[in-house]
Amino acid sequence: MGRKPKARRDPYGAWLQQLRRERKLTQQELAKRAGVPQTTLAYWEKTGRLTGRQIILRLASALDISLNKLLRPDRAEQDRS
């Protein structure tokens, strides 16, 4: 009986985690700023599943970034130029 293979982190969840770490925030600190439980933020980072406009707006505000940057990680490099 071998180990289960580790589930891959969702690319969007990894992007969210990267944004948080760039700002030197813990999950608990960002969760508090966004007004959500830390376990919810951990779930988002693992699955990449954010729901609800208000949550997304609060998260972008808590990270001090635009909605475009939060929602379009594939365009983040273009935004830096």
N, C-alpha and C. Protein backbone atom coordinates (compact mmCIF):
# COMPACT_ATOMS: atom_id res chain seq x y z
N MET A 1 0.84 -1.19 0.00
CA MET A 1 0.00 0.00 0.00
C MET A 1 0.88 1.24 0.00
N GLY A 2 1.00 1.84 -1.16
CA GLY A 2 1.82 3.03 -1.30
C GLY A 2 1.07 4.29 -0.92
N ARG A 3 1.82 5.35 -0.91
CA ARG A 3 1.21 6.64 -0.61
C ARG A 3 0.40 7.14 -1.79
N LYS A 4 -0.59 7.94 -1.45
CA LYS A 4 -1.37 8.61 -2.49
C LYS A 4 -0.48 9.69 -3.10
N PRO A 5 -0.54 9.88 -4.41
CA PRO A 5 0.22 10.99 -4.98
C PRO A 5 -0.34 12.31 -4.48
N LYS A 6 0.56 13.26 -4.24
CA LYS A 6 0.13 14.58 -3.77
C LYS A 6 -0.70 15.27 -4.84
N ALA A 7 -1.79 15.85 -4.41
CA ALA A 7 -2.62 16.61 -5.35
C ALA A 7 -1.86 17.87 -5.76
N ARG A 8 -1.93 18.19 -7.03
CA ARG A 8 -1.28 19.41 -7.50
C ARG A 8 -2.06 20.62 -7.06
N ARG A 9 -1.33 21.66 -6.72
CA ARG A 9 -1.97 22.92 -6.36
C ARG A 9 -2.52 23.55 -7.62
N ASP A 10 -3.70 24.08 -7.53
CA ASP A 10 -4.33 24.76 -8.65
C ASP A 10 -3.48 25.97 -9.05
N PRO A 11 -3.29 26.20 -10.35
CA PRO A 11 -2.46 27.34 -10.78
C PRO A 11 -2.98 28.69 -10.26
N TYR A 12 -4.30 28.87 -10.23
CA TYR A 12 -4.83 30.13 -9.71
C TYR A 12 -4.60 30.22 -8.20
N GLY A 13 -4.76 29.10 -7.50
CA GLY A 13 -4.49 29.10 -6.07
C GLY A 13 -3.03 29.43 -5.77
N ALA A 14 -2.14 28.90 -6.60
CA ALA A 14 -0.70 29.20 -6.44
C ALA A 14 -0.45 30.69 -6.70
N TRP A 15 -1.17 31.26 -7.67
CA TRP A 15 -1.05 32.69 -7.96
C TRP A 15 -1.50 33.52 -6.76
N LEU A 16 -2.61 33.14 -6.17
CA LEU A 16 -3.11 33.84 -4.99
C LEU A 16 -2.10 33.77 -3.85
N GLN A 17 -1.52 32.59 -3.65
CA GLN A 17 -0.50 32.42 -2.61
C GLN A 17 0.72 33.29 -2.91
N GLN A 18 1.13 33.35 -4.15
CA GLN A 18 2.28 34.17 -4.53
C GLN A 18 2.01 35.64 -4.23
N LEU A 19 0.82 36.12 -4.58
CA LEU A 19 0.48 37.51 -4.30
C LEU A 19 0.55 37.81 -2.80
N ARG A 20 0.03 36.87 -2.01
CA ARG A 20 0.04 37.05 -0.55
C ARG A 20 1.48 37.09 -0.03
N ARG A 21 2.30 36.16 -0.48
CA ARG A 21 3.69 36.10 0.00
C ARG A 21 4.51 37.30 -0.45
N GLU A 22 4.25 37.82 -1.65
CA GLU A 22 4.96 39.02 -2.12
C GLU A 22 4.72 40.19 -1.19
N ARG A 23 3.56 40.20 -0.56
CA ARG A 23 3.21 41.27 0.37
C ARG A 23 3.58 40.95 1.81
N LYS A 24 4.27 39.81 1.96
CA LYS A 24 4.75 39.35 3.27
C LYS A 24 3.61 39.23 4.29
N LEU A 25 2.50 38.66 3.84
CA LEU A 25 1.34 38.44 4.70
C LEU A 25 1.17 36.96 4.98
N THR A 26 0.76 36.63 6.18
CA THR A 26 0.38 35.26 6.49
C THR A 26 -1.05 35.06 6.00
N GLN A 27 -1.46 33.80 5.94
CA GLN A 27 -2.86 33.53 5.58
C GLN A 27 -3.79 34.21 6.57
N GLN A 28 -3.43 34.15 7.83
CA GLN A 28 -4.30 34.74 8.85
C GLN A 28 -4.41 36.26 8.67
N GLU A 29 -3.30 36.92 8.36
CA GLU A 29 -3.34 38.38 8.18
C GLU A 29 -4.19 38.77 6.97
N LEU A 30 -4.00 38.07 5.86
CA LEU A 30 -4.79 38.39 4.67
C LEU A 30 -6.26 38.06 4.88
N ALA A 31 -6.53 36.94 5.51
CA ALA A 31 -7.91 36.57 5.79
C ALA A 31 -8.60 37.64 6.63
N LYS A 32 -7.91 38.14 7.63
CA LYS A 32 -8.49 39.18 8.49
C LYS A 32 -8.77 40.44 7.69
N ARG A 33 -7.82 40.84 6.84
CA ARG A 33 -8.02 42.03 6.00
C ARG A 33 -9.20 41.86 5.05
N ALA A 34 -9.37 40.65 4.53
CA ALA A 34 -10.45 40.38 3.57
C ALA A 34 -11.77 40.05 4.26
N GLY A 35 -11.73 39.84 5.58
CA GLY A 35 -12.96 39.54 6.32
C GLY A 35 -13.47 38.13 6.12
N VAL A 36 -12.54 37.18 5.97
CA VAL A 36 -12.92 35.77 5.81
C VAL A 36 -12.12 34.94 6.79
N PRO A 37 -12.59 33.74 7.11
CA PRO A 37 -11.82 32.85 7.99
C PRO A 37 -10.52 32.40 7.30
N GLN A 38 -9.49 32.15 8.08
CA GLN A 38 -8.20 31.70 7.55
C GLN A 38 -8.37 30.39 6.80
N THR A 39 -9.24 29.51 7.28
CA THR A 39 -9.45 28.23 6.61
C THR A 39 -10.03 28.42 5.20
N THR A 40 -10.83 29.46 5.02
CA THR A 40 -11.38 29.77 3.71
C THR A 40 -10.27 30.21 2.77
N LEU A 41 -9.39 31.07 3.25
CA LEU A 41 -8.27 31.52 2.42
C LEU A 41 -7.37 30.34 2.05
N ALA A 42 -7.12 29.46 3.00
CA ALA A 42 -6.31 28.27 2.72
C ALA A 42 -6.97 27.42 1.63
N TYR A 43 -8.27 27.28 1.69
CA TYR A 43 -9.02 26.53 0.67
C TYR A 43 -8.86 27.20 -0.70
N TRP A 44 -8.97 28.51 -0.75
CA TRP A 44 -8.81 29.22 -2.01
C TRP A 44 -7.43 28.99 -2.60
N GLU A 45 -6.41 29.05 -1.73
CA GLU A 45 -5.04 28.85 -2.21
C GLU A 45 -4.82 27.42 -2.70
N LYS A 46 -5.52 26.49 -2.13
CA LYS A 46 -5.36 25.09 -2.53
C LYS A 46 -6.15 24.78 -3.81
N THR A 47 -7.37 25.29 -3.89
CA THR A 47 -8.26 24.92 -5.00
C THR A 47 -8.38 25.97 -6.08
N GLY A 48 -8.08 27.21 -5.75
CA GLY A 48 -8.25 28.29 -6.72
C GLY A 48 -9.70 28.70 -6.93
N ARG A 49 -10.58 28.26 -6.06
CA ARG A 49 -12.01 28.53 -6.21
C ARG A 49 -12.46 29.67 -5.31
N LEU A 50 -12.59 30.84 -5.90
CA LEU A 50 -13.15 31.99 -5.20
C LEU A 50 -14.56 32.18 -5.72
N THR A 51 -15.47 32.52 -4.85
CA THR A 51 -16.84 32.74 -5.30
C THR A 51 -17.37 34.05 -4.75
N GLY A 52 -18.15 34.71 -5.56
CA GLY A 52 -18.83 35.92 -5.13
C GLY A 52 -18.05 37.18 -5.43
N ARG A 53 -18.72 38.13 -6.03
CA ARG A 53 -18.09 39.40 -6.38
C ARG A 53 -17.56 40.15 -5.17
N GLN A 54 -18.33 40.18 -4.11
CA GLN A 54 -17.91 40.94 -2.93
C GLN A 54 -16.63 40.37 -2.34
N ILE A 55 -16.53 39.06 -2.31
CA ILE A 55 -15.32 38.42 -1.78
C ILE A 55 -14.12 38.79 -2.64
N ILE A 56 -14.28 38.72 -3.95
CA ILE A 56 -13.18 39.02 -4.86
C ILE A 56 -12.78 40.49 -4.72
N LEU A 57 -13.74 41.37 -4.60
CA LEU A 57 -13.44 42.79 -4.40
C LEU A 57 -12.68 43.02 -3.10
N ARG A 58 -13.13 42.38 -2.02
CA ARG A 58 -12.45 42.54 -0.73
C ARG A 58 -11.04 41.97 -0.77
N LEU A 59 -10.86 40.87 -1.46
CA LEU A 59 -9.55 40.26 -1.56
C LEU A 59 -8.59 41.15 -2.35
N ALA A 60 -9.05 41.70 -3.46
CA ALA A 60 -8.21 42.61 -4.25
C ALA A 60 -7.84 43.83 -3.41
N SER A 61 -8.80 44.35 -2.67
CA SER A 61 -8.54 45.50 -1.81
C SER A 61 -7.55 45.15 -0.71
N ALA A 62 -7.71 43.98 -0.10
CA ALA A 62 -6.82 43.55 0.98
C ALA A 62 -5.39 43.35 0.47
N LEU A 63 -5.25 42.93 -0.78
CA LEU A 63 -3.93 42.75 -1.38
C LEU A 63 -3.40 44.04 -2.00
N ASP A 64 -4.26 45.07 -2.07
CA ASP A 64 -3.91 46.36 -2.66
C ASP A 64 -3.49 46.20 -4.13
N ILE A 65 -4.32 45.46 -4.88
CA ILE A 65 -4.07 45.25 -6.30
C ILE A 65 -5.36 45.46 -7.07
N SER A 66 -5.23 45.60 -8.38
CA SER A 66 -6.42 45.76 -9.23
C SER A 66 -7.12 44.41 -9.39
N LEU A 67 -8.39 44.49 -9.72
CA LEU A 67 -9.14 43.27 -10.02
C LEU A 67 -8.52 42.54 -11.21
N ASN A 68 -8.07 43.30 -12.20
CA ASN A 68 -7.46 42.70 -13.39
C ASN A 68 -6.25 41.85 -13.00
N LYS A 69 -5.41 42.38 -12.14
CA LYS A 69 -4.22 41.63 -11.73
C LYS A 69 -4.61 40.38 -10.94
N LEU A 70 -5.60 40.52 -10.07
CA LEU A 70 -6.03 39.37 -9.27
C LEU A 70 -6.64 38.28 -10.14
N LEU A 71 -7.44 38.67 -11.10
CA LEU A 71 -8.18 37.70 -11.89
C LEU A 71 -7.46 37.19 -13.13
N ARG A 72 -6.39 37.84 -13.54
CA ARG A 72 -5.71 37.46 -14.78
C ARG A 72 -4.21 37.25 -14.55
N PRO A 73 -3.84 36.19 -13.84
CA PRO A 73 -2.41 35.96 -13.59
C PRO A 73 -1.59 35.84 -14.86
N ASP A 74 -2.21 35.41 -15.95
CA ASP A 74 -1.50 35.27 -17.22
C ASP A 74 -1.09 36.62 -17.80
N ARG A 75 -1.69 37.68 -17.33
CA ARG A 75 -1.36 39.02 -17.83
C ARG A 75 -0.53 39.82 -16.85
N ALA A 76 -0.18 39.26 -15.73
CA ALA A 76 0.57 39.99 -14.69
C ALA A 76 1.89 40.51 -15.22
N GLU A 77 2.60 39.72 -16.00
CA GLU A 77 3.88 40.14 -16.55
C GLU A 77 3.70 41.36 -17.45
N GLN A 78 2.63 41.39 -18.24
CA GLN A 78 2.38 42.53 -19.13
C GLN A 78 2.10 43.79 -18.33
N ASP A 79 1.43 43.66 -17.18
CA ASP A 79 1.10 44.81 -16.35
C ASP A 79 2.34 45.46 -15.76
N ARG A 80 3.40 44.70 -15.58
CA ARG A 80 4.63 45.23 -14.96
C ARG A 80 5.41 46.09 -15.93
N SER A 81 5.22 45.93 -17.23
CA SER A 81 6.00 46.66 -18.22
C SER A 81 5.56 48.11 -18.30
